[in-house]
N, C-alpha and C. Protein backbone atom coordinates (compact mmCIF):
# COMPACT_ATOMS: atom_id res chain seq x y z
N GLN A 1 -12.75 -4.43 13.26
CA GLN A 1 -12.03 -3.75 12.24
C GLN A 1 -10.57 -3.58 12.63
N VAL A 2 -9.75 -3.39 11.59
CA VAL A 2 -8.33 -3.12 11.78
C VAL A 2 -8.10 -1.65 11.44
N ARG A 3 -7.71 -0.86 12.41
CA ARG A 3 -7.40 0.54 12.16
C ARG A 3 -6.00 0.66 11.60
N THR A 4 -5.84 1.48 10.58
CA THR A 4 -4.57 1.59 9.88
C THR A 4 -4.17 3.05 9.70
N THR A 5 -2.85 3.28 9.72
CA THR A 5 -2.28 4.60 9.52
C THR A 5 -1.14 4.51 8.52
N GLU A 6 -1.24 5.27 7.43
CA GLU A 6 -0.25 5.23 6.36
C GLU A 6 0.79 6.33 6.53
N SER A 7 2.00 6.06 6.04
CA SER A 7 3.07 7.05 6.07
C SER A 7 4.10 6.70 5.01
N GLY A 8 5.01 7.64 4.74
CA GLY A 8 6.12 7.39 3.84
C GLY A 8 6.00 7.99 2.46
N GLY A 9 4.88 8.62 2.14
CA GLY A 9 4.72 9.22 0.84
C GLY A 9 5.57 10.47 0.68
N GLY A 10 5.60 10.97 -0.55
CA GLY A 10 6.37 12.17 -0.82
C GLY A 10 6.50 12.43 -2.30
N LEU A 11 7.37 13.36 -2.64
CA LEU A 11 7.65 13.72 -4.02
C LEU A 11 8.92 13.03 -4.48
N VAL A 12 8.85 12.38 -5.63
CA VAL A 12 10.00 11.63 -6.13
C VAL A 12 10.07 11.76 -7.65
N GLN A 13 11.28 11.72 -8.18
CA GLN A 13 11.48 11.77 -9.62
C GLN A 13 11.14 10.43 -10.26
N ALA A 14 10.70 10.47 -11.51
CA ALA A 14 10.43 9.24 -12.24
C ALA A 14 11.67 8.36 -12.25
N GLY A 15 11.45 7.06 -12.03
CA GLY A 15 12.55 6.12 -11.95
C GLY A 15 13.06 5.91 -10.55
N GLY A 16 12.60 6.71 -9.62
CA GLY A 16 13.03 6.60 -8.25
C GLY A 16 12.26 5.56 -7.46
N SER A 17 12.56 5.49 -6.17
CA SER A 17 11.95 4.50 -5.29
C SER A 17 11.39 5.17 -4.04
N LEU A 18 10.42 4.49 -3.44
CA LEU A 18 9.80 4.99 -2.23
C LEU A 18 9.26 3.80 -1.44
N ARG A 19 9.29 3.90 -0.13
CA ARG A 19 8.75 2.84 0.73
C ARG A 19 7.64 3.39 1.60
N LEU A 20 6.46 2.82 1.45
CA LEU A 20 5.32 3.21 2.26
C LEU A 20 5.16 2.25 3.43
N SER A 21 4.70 2.78 4.55
CA SER A 21 4.48 1.97 5.75
C SER A 21 3.03 2.07 6.18
N CYS A 22 2.53 1.01 6.77
CA CYS A 22 1.17 0.94 7.28
C CYS A 22 1.22 0.36 8.68
N ALA A 23 0.82 1.15 9.66
CA ALA A 23 0.76 0.69 11.03
C ALA A 23 -0.67 0.29 11.35
N ALA A 24 -0.85 -0.94 11.81
CA ALA A 24 -2.18 -1.48 12.08
C ALA A 24 -2.39 -1.67 13.57
N SER A 25 -3.65 -1.69 13.96
CA SER A 25 -3.99 -1.93 15.36
C SER A 25 -3.58 -3.33 15.77
N GLU A 26 -3.30 -3.49 17.03
CA GLU A 26 -2.80 -4.76 17.54
C GLU A 26 -3.91 -5.78 17.77
N GLY A 27 -3.52 -7.05 17.85
CA GLY A 27 -4.42 -8.11 18.27
C GLY A 27 -4.85 -9.09 17.22
N ILE A 28 -5.32 -8.60 16.06
CA ILE A 28 -5.88 -9.49 15.05
C ILE A 28 -5.23 -9.32 13.68
N PHE A 29 -4.24 -8.47 13.59
CA PHE A 29 -3.62 -8.15 12.31
C PHE A 29 -3.15 -9.40 11.56
N LYS A 30 -2.48 -10.29 12.23
CA LYS A 30 -1.86 -11.43 11.55
C LYS A 30 -2.87 -12.38 10.91
N ARG A 31 -4.12 -12.32 11.31
CA ARG A 31 -5.14 -13.22 10.77
C ARG A 31 -5.90 -12.62 9.59
N ARG A 32 -5.59 -11.41 9.22
CA ARG A 32 -6.35 -10.70 8.20
C ARG A 32 -5.58 -10.53 6.90
N PRO A 33 -6.25 -10.75 5.76
CA PRO A 33 -5.63 -10.34 4.49
C PRO A 33 -5.60 -8.83 4.43
N MET A 34 -4.53 -8.28 3.90
CA MET A 34 -4.34 -6.84 3.86
C MET A 34 -4.04 -6.38 2.44
N GLY A 35 -4.27 -5.10 2.18
CA GLY A 35 -4.02 -4.59 0.85
C GLY A 35 -3.68 -3.11 0.83
N TRP A 36 -3.11 -2.70 -0.30
CA TRP A 36 -2.84 -1.29 -0.59
C TRP A 36 -3.72 -0.85 -1.74
N TRP A 37 -4.35 0.31 -1.58
CA TRP A 37 -5.19 0.93 -2.62
C TRP A 37 -4.54 2.23 -3.08
N ARG A 38 -4.84 2.61 -4.31
CA ARG A 38 -4.36 3.87 -4.85
C ARG A 38 -5.52 4.62 -5.48
N ARG A 39 -5.64 5.89 -5.16
CA ARG A 39 -6.60 6.76 -5.80
C ARG A 39 -5.84 7.80 -6.62
N ALA A 40 -5.80 7.58 -7.93
CA ALA A 40 -5.13 8.50 -8.83
C ALA A 40 -6.03 9.70 -9.10
N PRO A 41 -5.45 10.82 -9.52
CA PRO A 41 -6.26 12.01 -9.81
C PRO A 41 -7.38 11.71 -10.81
N GLY A 42 -8.60 12.05 -10.43
CA GLY A 42 -9.74 11.85 -11.31
C GLY A 42 -10.23 10.42 -11.41
N LYS A 43 -9.70 9.52 -10.60
CA LYS A 43 -10.08 8.12 -10.65
C LYS A 43 -10.56 7.63 -9.29
N THR A 44 -11.19 6.46 -9.29
CA THR A 44 -11.66 5.85 -8.06
C THR A 44 -10.53 5.08 -7.38
N ARG A 45 -10.74 4.76 -6.13
CA ARG A 45 -9.76 3.98 -5.39
C ARG A 45 -9.64 2.58 -5.97
N GLU A 46 -8.41 2.14 -6.21
CA GLU A 46 -8.15 0.86 -6.85
C GLU A 46 -7.23 0.01 -6.00
N LEU A 47 -7.58 -1.24 -5.82
CA LEU A 47 -6.73 -2.18 -5.10
C LEU A 47 -5.56 -2.56 -6.00
N ILE A 48 -4.34 -2.27 -5.58
CA ILE A 48 -3.17 -2.53 -6.41
C ILE A 48 -2.28 -3.64 -5.89
N ALA A 49 -2.40 -3.99 -4.62
CA ALA A 49 -1.58 -5.05 -4.05
C ALA A 49 -2.27 -5.63 -2.83
N ARG A 50 -2.16 -6.94 -2.67
CA ARG A 50 -2.75 -7.59 -1.52
C ARG A 50 -1.82 -8.68 -1.01
N ILE A 51 -1.93 -8.97 0.28
CA ILE A 51 -1.11 -10.00 0.89
C ILE A 51 -1.99 -10.78 1.87
N LEU A 52 -1.95 -12.10 1.74
CA LEU A 52 -2.78 -12.95 2.57
C LEU A 52 -2.16 -13.12 3.96
N PRO A 53 -2.92 -13.65 4.92
CA PRO A 53 -2.37 -13.85 6.27
C PRO A 53 -1.07 -14.62 6.24
N TYR A 54 -0.15 -14.20 7.07
CA TYR A 54 1.17 -14.82 7.22
C TYR A 54 2.05 -14.64 5.99
N GLY A 55 1.63 -13.83 5.05
CA GLY A 55 2.44 -13.52 3.88
C GLY A 55 2.65 -14.66 2.92
N THR A 56 1.74 -15.63 2.91
CA THR A 56 1.90 -16.79 2.05
C THR A 56 1.65 -16.51 0.58
N THR A 57 0.83 -15.51 0.29
CA THR A 57 0.48 -15.19 -1.08
C THR A 57 0.39 -13.68 -1.27
N THR A 58 0.93 -13.19 -2.37
CA THR A 58 0.80 -11.79 -2.74
C THR A 58 0.25 -11.69 -4.15
N ILE A 59 -0.58 -10.67 -4.40
CA ILE A 59 -1.20 -10.47 -5.69
C ILE A 59 -1.12 -8.99 -6.04
N TYR A 60 -0.79 -8.70 -7.30
CA TYR A 60 -0.60 -7.33 -7.75
C TYR A 60 -1.45 -7.00 -8.96
N GLU A 61 -1.87 -5.76 -9.04
CA GLU A 61 -2.52 -5.25 -10.22
C GLU A 61 -1.46 -5.16 -11.33
N ASP A 62 -1.88 -5.37 -12.57
CA ASP A 62 -0.93 -5.48 -13.67
C ASP A 62 0.00 -4.27 -13.80
N SER A 63 -0.50 -3.09 -13.53
CA SER A 63 0.29 -1.89 -13.74
C SER A 63 1.47 -1.74 -12.78
N VAL A 64 1.44 -2.47 -11.66
CA VAL A 64 2.51 -2.35 -10.67
C VAL A 64 3.31 -3.63 -10.49
N GLU A 65 2.85 -4.73 -11.03
CA GLU A 65 3.55 -6.00 -10.86
C GLU A 65 4.96 -5.91 -11.44
N GLY A 66 5.92 -6.40 -10.67
CA GLY A 66 7.31 -6.34 -11.07
C GLY A 66 8.03 -5.11 -10.58
N ARG A 67 7.28 -4.10 -10.15
CA ARG A 67 7.87 -2.87 -9.63
C ARG A 67 7.57 -2.65 -8.16
N PHE A 68 6.41 -3.08 -7.71
CA PHE A 68 5.99 -2.91 -6.32
C PHE A 68 6.07 -4.23 -5.58
N THR A 69 6.39 -4.17 -4.29
CA THR A 69 6.45 -5.36 -3.45
C THR A 69 5.74 -5.09 -2.14
N ILE A 70 4.73 -5.90 -1.83
CA ILE A 70 4.00 -5.77 -0.58
C ILE A 70 4.55 -6.79 0.41
N SER A 71 4.65 -6.40 1.66
CA SER A 71 5.15 -7.29 2.70
C SER A 71 4.50 -6.94 4.03
N ARG A 72 4.64 -7.83 5.00
CA ARG A 72 4.06 -7.58 6.32
C ARG A 72 4.96 -8.13 7.40
N ASP A 73 4.92 -7.50 8.56
CA ASP A 73 5.65 -7.94 9.74
C ASP A 73 4.61 -8.06 10.85
N ASP A 74 4.13 -9.27 11.05
CA ASP A 74 3.02 -9.49 11.98
C ASP A 74 3.41 -9.22 13.43
N GLU A 75 4.67 -9.43 13.79
CA GLU A 75 5.12 -9.18 15.15
C GLU A 75 5.03 -7.70 15.50
N LYS A 76 5.18 -6.84 14.49
CA LYS A 76 5.13 -5.40 14.69
C LYS A 76 3.82 -4.77 14.24
N ASN A 77 2.90 -5.59 13.74
CA ASN A 77 1.63 -5.08 13.20
C ASN A 77 1.88 -4.02 12.13
N MET A 78 2.79 -4.33 11.22
CA MET A 78 3.18 -3.40 10.17
C MET A 78 3.04 -4.04 8.80
N MET A 79 2.74 -3.22 7.82
CA MET A 79 2.73 -3.63 6.43
C MET A 79 3.47 -2.58 5.62
N TYR A 80 4.09 -3.02 4.50
CA TYR A 80 4.92 -2.12 3.71
C TYR A 80 4.61 -2.26 2.23
N LEU A 81 4.95 -1.23 1.48
CA LEU A 81 4.87 -1.27 0.04
C LEU A 81 6.14 -0.64 -0.51
N GLU A 82 7.02 -1.49 -1.05
CA GLU A 82 8.23 -1.02 -1.69
C GLU A 82 7.91 -0.70 -3.15
N MET A 83 8.16 0.53 -3.56
CA MET A 83 7.86 0.98 -4.90
C MET A 83 9.16 1.34 -5.61
N ARG A 84 9.38 0.73 -6.76
CA ARG A 84 10.57 0.96 -7.56
C ARG A 84 10.19 1.38 -8.97
N GLU A 85 11.13 1.99 -9.67
CA GLU A 85 10.91 2.42 -11.04
C GLU A 85 9.59 3.19 -11.17
N LEU A 86 9.42 4.15 -10.31
CA LEU A 86 8.18 4.90 -10.25
C LEU A 86 7.95 5.71 -11.52
N LYS A 87 6.69 5.78 -11.92
CA LYS A 87 6.27 6.49 -13.11
C LYS A 87 5.28 7.59 -12.72
N PRO A 88 5.16 8.63 -13.56
CA PRO A 88 4.19 9.68 -13.25
C PRO A 88 2.78 9.14 -13.04
N GLU A 89 2.39 8.09 -13.73
CA GLU A 89 1.06 7.52 -13.57
C GLU A 89 0.87 6.81 -12.24
N ASP A 90 1.94 6.65 -11.46
CA ASP A 90 1.82 6.10 -10.11
C ASP A 90 1.37 7.17 -9.12
N THR A 91 1.31 8.39 -9.55
CA THR A 91 0.89 9.49 -8.68
C THR A 91 -0.52 9.25 -8.15
N GLY A 92 -0.70 9.47 -6.86
CA GLY A 92 -2.00 9.30 -6.24
C GLY A 92 -1.88 9.23 -4.74
N ARG A 93 -3.01 9.05 -4.10
CA ARG A 93 -3.02 8.89 -2.67
C ARG A 93 -3.15 7.40 -2.36
N TYR A 94 -2.29 6.89 -1.49
CA TYR A 94 -2.22 5.48 -1.19
C TYR A 94 -2.80 5.17 0.18
N TYR A 95 -3.61 4.12 0.24
CA TYR A 95 -4.28 3.72 1.46
C TYR A 95 -4.02 2.24 1.74
N CYS A 96 -4.03 1.88 3.01
CA CYS A 96 -3.94 0.48 3.38
C CYS A 96 -5.13 0.11 4.25
N SER A 97 -5.55 -1.15 4.17
CA SER A 97 -6.65 -1.63 4.97
C SER A 97 -6.72 -3.15 4.87
N GLU A 98 -7.53 -3.75 5.71
CA GLU A 98 -7.80 -5.17 5.57
C GLU A 98 -8.71 -5.39 4.36
N ILE A 99 -8.83 -6.64 3.94
CA ILE A 99 -9.68 -7.00 2.81
C ILE A 99 -10.74 -7.99 3.27
N PRO A 100 -12.02 -7.67 3.11
CA PRO A 100 -12.56 -6.43 2.58
C PRO A 100 -12.31 -5.26 3.54
N PRO A 101 -12.19 -4.05 3.01
CA PRO A 101 -11.85 -2.91 3.87
C PRO A 101 -12.96 -2.59 4.85
N SER A 102 -12.56 -2.26 6.07
CA SER A 102 -13.49 -1.87 7.12
C SER A 102 -13.16 -0.51 7.71
N TYR A 103 -12.03 0.05 7.29
CA TYR A 103 -11.58 1.33 7.84
C TYR A 103 -10.69 2.03 6.83
N TRP A 104 -10.87 3.34 6.70
CA TRP A 104 -10.01 4.15 5.84
C TRP A 104 -9.36 5.26 6.66
N GLY A 105 -8.04 5.32 6.59
CA GLY A 105 -7.31 6.41 7.22
C GLY A 105 -7.18 7.57 6.24
N GLN A 106 -6.23 8.46 6.51
CA GLN A 106 -6.03 9.61 5.65
C GLN A 106 -5.20 9.30 4.41
N GLY A 107 -4.54 8.15 4.40
CA GLY A 107 -3.69 7.80 3.28
C GLY A 107 -2.40 8.60 3.29
N THR A 108 -1.56 8.36 2.28
CA THR A 108 -0.32 9.11 2.14
C THR A 108 -0.12 9.43 0.66
N GLN A 109 0.23 10.67 0.38
CA GLN A 109 0.32 11.14 -1.00
C GLN A 109 1.66 10.79 -1.62
N VAL A 110 1.61 10.26 -2.84
CA VAL A 110 2.80 9.97 -3.63
C VAL A 110 2.70 10.76 -4.93
N THR A 111 3.69 11.58 -5.19
CA THR A 111 3.71 12.37 -6.42
C THR A 111 5.01 12.08 -7.16
N VAL A 112 4.88 11.63 -8.40
CA VAL A 112 6.03 11.28 -9.23
C VAL A 112 6.14 12.30 -10.35
N SER A 113 7.25 12.99 -10.41
CA SER A 113 7.48 13.99 -11.43
C SER A 113 8.30 13.41 -12.57
N SER A 114 8.12 13.96 -13.76
CA SER A 114 8.85 13.51 -14.93
C SER A 114 10.04 14.39 -15.24
């Protein structure tokens, strides 16, 4: 499994930007597809962005495509989620993990106010 730790969440006004970071365990990170999940209030955890090994392919859920950008730095065992033009409906707790997920950390809370 790849152990992951999320950070970078916070409170932001609608239309603002935020960058989330995901620190992964060393050794096998670069060979694994990775993703970001979001659990909105009253909803189940949803995969919103994924990135294949070596960053060759990225895929986004329709609600975030064009606003969110997933990236990875394999030398540092890090993954990121750049969020722009944030909307109140983006509010939720964000998690990162390999795909399929084998480990869940505490996530990081993102709250977007109107």
